[in-house]
Amino acid sequence: MKTAMVAALFGLLVVGSSCTVLVSKETRYLKAAKDHATQEQVHARLGEPKYTSVTTDGEPIWVYQVLFVDTGVNNQWGTPGAWCDEYVLTFDKQGILRDWTHKSEGHGGETMPTYCVRDGFKPPA
């Protein structure tokens, strides 16, 4: 009985920690930064955004797109391709990160996709 309990707890620990490992560094940072990080701090951590815009209320929007191209997989279990993650960040008028969204999309065998995610951020024309 005691061995089963230890095994179950160990299994929960492994599953819980593996989920943390699979979360991107951008997601981990943004979860921690929400409601207190400034635009300067976000820029220092994530770099230059792909797009910038403003809401109808004048609040800044920054968009980051992170493309990962996997060229090494080419076997019966997978093919080369790309994954793209899009992060849309909204700051208040004082420059504090207030909200963010994340979308991710795999692009199968494409290594040079023409878009990041379907229905992603559309910069104003």
C-alpha atoms as a PDB file:
ATOM      1  CA  MET A   1       0.000   0.000   0.000  1.00  0.00           C
ATOM      2  CA  LYS A   2       2.758   2.428   0.969  1.00  0.00           C
ATOM      3  CA  THR A   3       4.716   1.600  -2.209  1.00  0.00           C
ATOM      4  CA  ALA A   4       1.644   2.290  -4.352  1.00  0.00           C
ATOM      5  CA  MET A   5       1.156   5.661  -2.647  1.00  0.00           C
ATOM      6  CA  VAL A   6       4.799   6.631  -3.229  1.00  0.00           C
ATOM      7  CA  ALA A   7       4.565   5.537  -6.879  1.00  0.00           C
ATOM      8  CA  ALA A   8       1.371   7.560  -7.382  1.00  0.00           C
ATOM      9  CA  LEU A   9       2.908  10.680  -5.837  1.00  0.00           C
ATOM     10  CA  PHE A  10       6.043  10.259  -7.942  1.00  0.00           C
ATOM     11  CA  GLY A  11       3.888   9.907 -11.073  1.00  0.00           C
ATOM     12  CA  LEU A  12       2.019  13.122 -10.257  1.00  0.00           C
ATOM     13  CA  LEU A  13       5.312  14.917  -9.700  1.00  0.00           C
ATOM     14  CA  VAL A  14       6.681  13.758 -13.062  1.00  0.00           C
ATOM     15  CA  VAL A  15       3.494  14.685 -14.953  1.00  0.00           C
ATOM     16  CA  GLY A  16       3.282  18.085 -13.253  1.00  0.00           C
ATOM     17  CA  SER A  17       6.896  18.963 -13.898  1.00  0.00           C
ATOM     18  CA  SER A  18       6.775  17.828 -17.530  1.00  0.00           C
ATOM     19  CA  CYS A  19       3.894  20.227 -18.181  1.00  0.00           C
ATOM     20  CA  THR A  20       6.041  23.059 -16.837  1.00  0.00           C
ATOM     21  CA  VAL A  21       8.917  22.083 -19.108  1.00  0.00           C
ATOM     22  CA  LEU A  22       6.648  22.091 -22.186  1.00  0.00           C
ATOM     23  CA  VAL A  23       5.477  25.672 -21.582  1.00  0.00           C
ATOM     24  CA  SER A  24       7.439  28.181 -23.663  1.00  0.00           C
ATOM     25  CA  LYS A  25       9.749  30.705 -22.035  1.00  0.00           C
ATOM     26  CA  GLU A  26       7.560  33.502 -23.460  1.00  0.00           C
ATOM     27  CA  THR A  27       4.435  32.075 -21.816  1.00  0.00           C
ATOM     28  CA  ARG A  28       6.201  31.595 -18.479  1.00  0.00           C
ATOM     29  CA  TYR A  29       7.489  35.180 -18.592  1.00  0.00           C
ATOM     30  CA  LEU A  30       4.150  36.719 -19.602  1.00  0.00           C
ATOM     31  CA  LYS A  31       2.260  34.870 -16.857  1.00  0.00           C
ATOM     32  CA  ALA A  32       4.678  36.290 -14.291  1.00  0.00           C
ATOM     33  CA  ALA A  33       4.806  39.774 -15.851  1.00  0.00           C
ATOM     34  CA  LYS A  34       1.072  40.469 -16.224  1.00  0.00           C
ATOM     35  CA  ASP A  35      -0.180  43.525 -14.299  1.00  0.00           C
ATOM     36  CA  HIS A  36       3.259  44.833 -13.305  1.00  0.00           C
ATOM     37  CA  ALA A  37       5.856  44.669 -16.118  1.00  0.00           C
ATOM     38  CA  THR A  38       6.496  47.859 -18.079  1.00  0.00           C
ATOM     39  CA  GLN A  39       6.907  48.121 -21.837  1.00  0.00           C
ATOM     40  CA  GLU A  40      10.633  48.631 -21.282  1.00  0.00           C
ATOM     41  CA  GLN A  41      10.894  45.443 -19.207  1.00  0.00           C
ATOM     42  CA  VAL A  42       8.941  43.407 -21.768  1.00  0.00           C
ATOM     43  CA  HIS A  43      11.089  44.789 -24.594  1.00  0.00           C
ATOM     44  CA  ALA A  44      14.261  43.908 -22.684  1.00  0.00           C
ATOM     45  CA  ARG A  45      13.024  40.331 -22.202  1.00  0.00           C
ATOM     46  CA  LEU A  46      11.255  39.592 -25.516  1.00  0.00           C
ATOM     47  CA  GLY A  47      12.940  42.001 -27.911  1.00  0.00           C
ATOM     48  CA  GLU A  48      11.400  44.021 -30.721  1.00  0.00           C
ATOM     49  CA  PRO A  49       7.750  43.166 -31.480  1.00  0.00           C
ATOM     50  CA  LYS A  50       6.800  42.075 -35.010  1.00  0.00           C
ATOM     51  CA  TYR A  51       3.864  44.530 -35.070  1.00  0.00           C
ATOM     52  CA  THR A  52       2.694  47.416 -32.920  1.00  0.00           C
ATOM     53  CA  SER A  53      -0.726  49.029 -32.867  1.00  0.00           C
ATOM     54  CA  VAL A  54      -3.137  50.747 -30.478  1.00  0.00           C
ATOM     55  CA  THR A  55      -6.643  49.932 -29.275  1.00  0.00           C
ATOM     56  CA  THR A  56      -9.529  52.308 -29.939  1.00  0.00           C
ATOM     57  CA  ASP A  57      -8.878  53.630 -26.405  1.00  0.00           C
ATOM     58  CA  GLY A  58      -5.256  54.400 -27.249  1.00  0.00           C
ATOM     59  CA  GLU A  59      -3.694  51.482 -25.351  1.00  0.00           C
ATOM     60  CA  PRO A  60      -0.555  50.016 -26.964  1.00  0.00           C
ATOM     61  CA  ILE A  61      -0.671  46.545 -28.539  1.00  0.00           C
ATOM     62  CA  TRP A  62       2.507  44.594 -29.273  1.00  0.00           C
ATOM     63  CA  VAL A  63       2.572  41.400 -31.315  1.00  0.00           C
ATOM     64  CA  TYR A  64       5.338  38.809 -31.146  1.00  0.00           C
ATOM     65  CA  GLN A  65       5.619  35.873 -33.528  1.00  0.00           C
ATOM     66  CA  VAL A  66       8.010  33.066 -32.663  1.00  0.00           C
ATOM     67  CA  LEU A  67       8.769  30.662 -35.526  1.00  0.00           C
ATOM     68  CA  PHE A  68      10.405  27.308 -34.854  1.00  0.00           C
ATOM     69  CA  VAL A  69      11.533  25.311 -37.887  1.00  0.00           C
ATOM     70  CA  ASP A  70      12.269  21.635 -37.309  1.00  0.00           C
ATOM     71  CA  THR A  71      14.438  20.513 -40.202  1.00  0.00           C
ATOM     72  CA  GLY A  72      15.910  17.471 -38.493  1.00  0.00           C
ATOM     73  CA  VAL A  73      12.858  15.214 -38.321  1.00  0.00           C
ATOM     74  CA  ASN A  74      12.282  13.199 -41.464  1.00  0.00           C
ATOM     75  CA  ASN A  75      11.245   9.667 -40.653  1.00  0.00           C
ATOM     76  CA  GLN A  76       8.125   7.543 -40.270  1.00  0.00           C
ATOM     77  CA  TRP A  77       7.057   9.483 -37.148  1.00  0.00           C
ATOM     78  CA  GLY A  78       7.385  13.010 -38.463  1.00  0.00           C
ATOM     79  CA  THR A  79       8.370  15.341 -41.253  1.00  0.00           C
ATOM     80  CA  PRO A  80      10.200  18.650 -41.320  1.00  0.00           C
ATOM     81  CA  GLY A  81       7.976  21.619 -40.695  1.00  0.00           C
ATOM     82  CA  ALA A  82       7.391  24.777 -38.725  1.00  0.00           C
ATOM     83  CA  TRP A  83       5.500  25.822 -35.604  1.00  0.00           C
ATOM     84  CA  CYS A  84       4.538  29.426 -35.024  1.00  0.00           C
ATOM     85  CA  ASP A  85       3.445  31.000 -31.743  1.00  0.00           C
ATOM     86  CA  GLU A  86       1.743  34.396 -31.742  1.00  0.00           C
ATOM     87  CA  TYR A  87       1.568  36.511 -28.596  1.00  0.00           C
ATOM     88  CA  VAL A  88      -0.626  39.635 -28.577  1.00  0.00           C
ATOM     89  CA  LEU A  89       0.163  41.912 -25.626  1.00  0.00           C
ATOM     90  CA  THR A  90      -1.973  44.825 -24.447  1.00  0.00           C
ATOM     91  CA  PHE A  91      -0.564  47.563 -22.230  1.00  0.00           C
ATOM     92  CA  ASP A  92      -2.453  50.275 -20.371  1.00  0.00           C
ATOM     93  CA  LYS A  93      -1.806  53.954 -21.092  1.00  0.00           C
ATOM     94  CA  GLN A  94       0.875  53.991 -18.374  1.00  0.00           C
ATOM     95  CA  GLY A  95       2.763  51.231 -20.218  1.00  0.00           C
ATOM     96  CA  ILE A  96       1.960  48.327 -17.854  1.00  0.00           C
ATOM     97  CA  LEU A  97       1.250  44.886 -19.355  1.00  0.00           C
ATOM     98  CA  ARG A  98      -2.434  44.216 -18.643  1.00  0.00           C
ATOM     99  CA  ASP A  99      -3.387  41.329 -20.907  1.00  0.00           C
ATOM    100  CA  TRP A 100      -1.973  38.899 -23.437  1.00  0.00           C
ATOM    101  CA  THR A 101      -3.140  36.058 -25.648  1.00  0.00           C
ATOM    102  CA  HIS A 102      -1.304  33.145 -27.218  1.00  0.00           C
ATOM    103  CA  LYS A 103      -2.087  31.113 -30.330  1.00  0.00           C
ATOM    104  CA  SER A 104       0.031  28.322 -31.749  1.00  0.00           C
ATOM    105  CA  GLU A 105      -0.114  26.535 -35.076  1.00  0.00           C
ATOM    106  CA  GLY A 106       1.851  23.761 -36.709  1.00  0.00           C
ATOM    107  CA  HIS A 107       2.569  24.111 -40.409  1.00  0.00           C
ATOM    108  CA  GLY A 108       3.096  20.461 -41.344  1.00  0.00           C
ATOM    109  CA  GLY A 109       5.749  20.105 -44.020  1.00  0.00           C
ATOM    110  CA  GLU A 110       6.083  23.862 -44.551  1.00  0.00           C
ATOM    111  CA  THR A 111       9.357  25.387 -43.446  1.00  0.00           C
ATOM    112  CA  MET A 112       8.567  28.908 -44.722  1.00  0.00           C
ATOM    113  CA  PRO A 113       4.886  29.551 -43.824  1.00  0.00           C
ATOM    114  CA  THR A 114       3.273  32.719 -45.185  1.00  0.00           C
ATOM    115  CA  TYR A 115       1.313  33.322 -41.959  1.00  0.00           C
ATOM    116  CA  CYS A 116       1.892  32.532 -38.296  1.00  0.00           C
ATOM    117  CA  VAL A 117      -1.555  31.414 -37.083  1.00  0.00           C
ATOM    118  CA  ARG A 118      -4.985  31.343 -38.703  1.00  0.00           C
ATOM    119  CA  ASP A 119      -7.114  34.282 -37.609  1.00  0.00           C
ATOM    120  CA  GLY A 120      -4.085  35.856 -35.970  1.00  0.00           C
ATOM    121  CA  PHE A 121      -3.420  39.544 -35.435  1.00  0.00           C
ATOM    122  CA  LYS A 122      -4.095  41.698 -38.479  1.00  0.00           C
ATOM    123  CA  PRO A 123      -2.139  44.964 -38.487  1.00  0.00           C
ATOM    124  CA  PRO A 124      -4.164  48.017 -39.516  1.00  0.00           C
ATOM    125  CA  ALA A 125      -3.890  48.796 -43.219  1.00  0.00           C
END
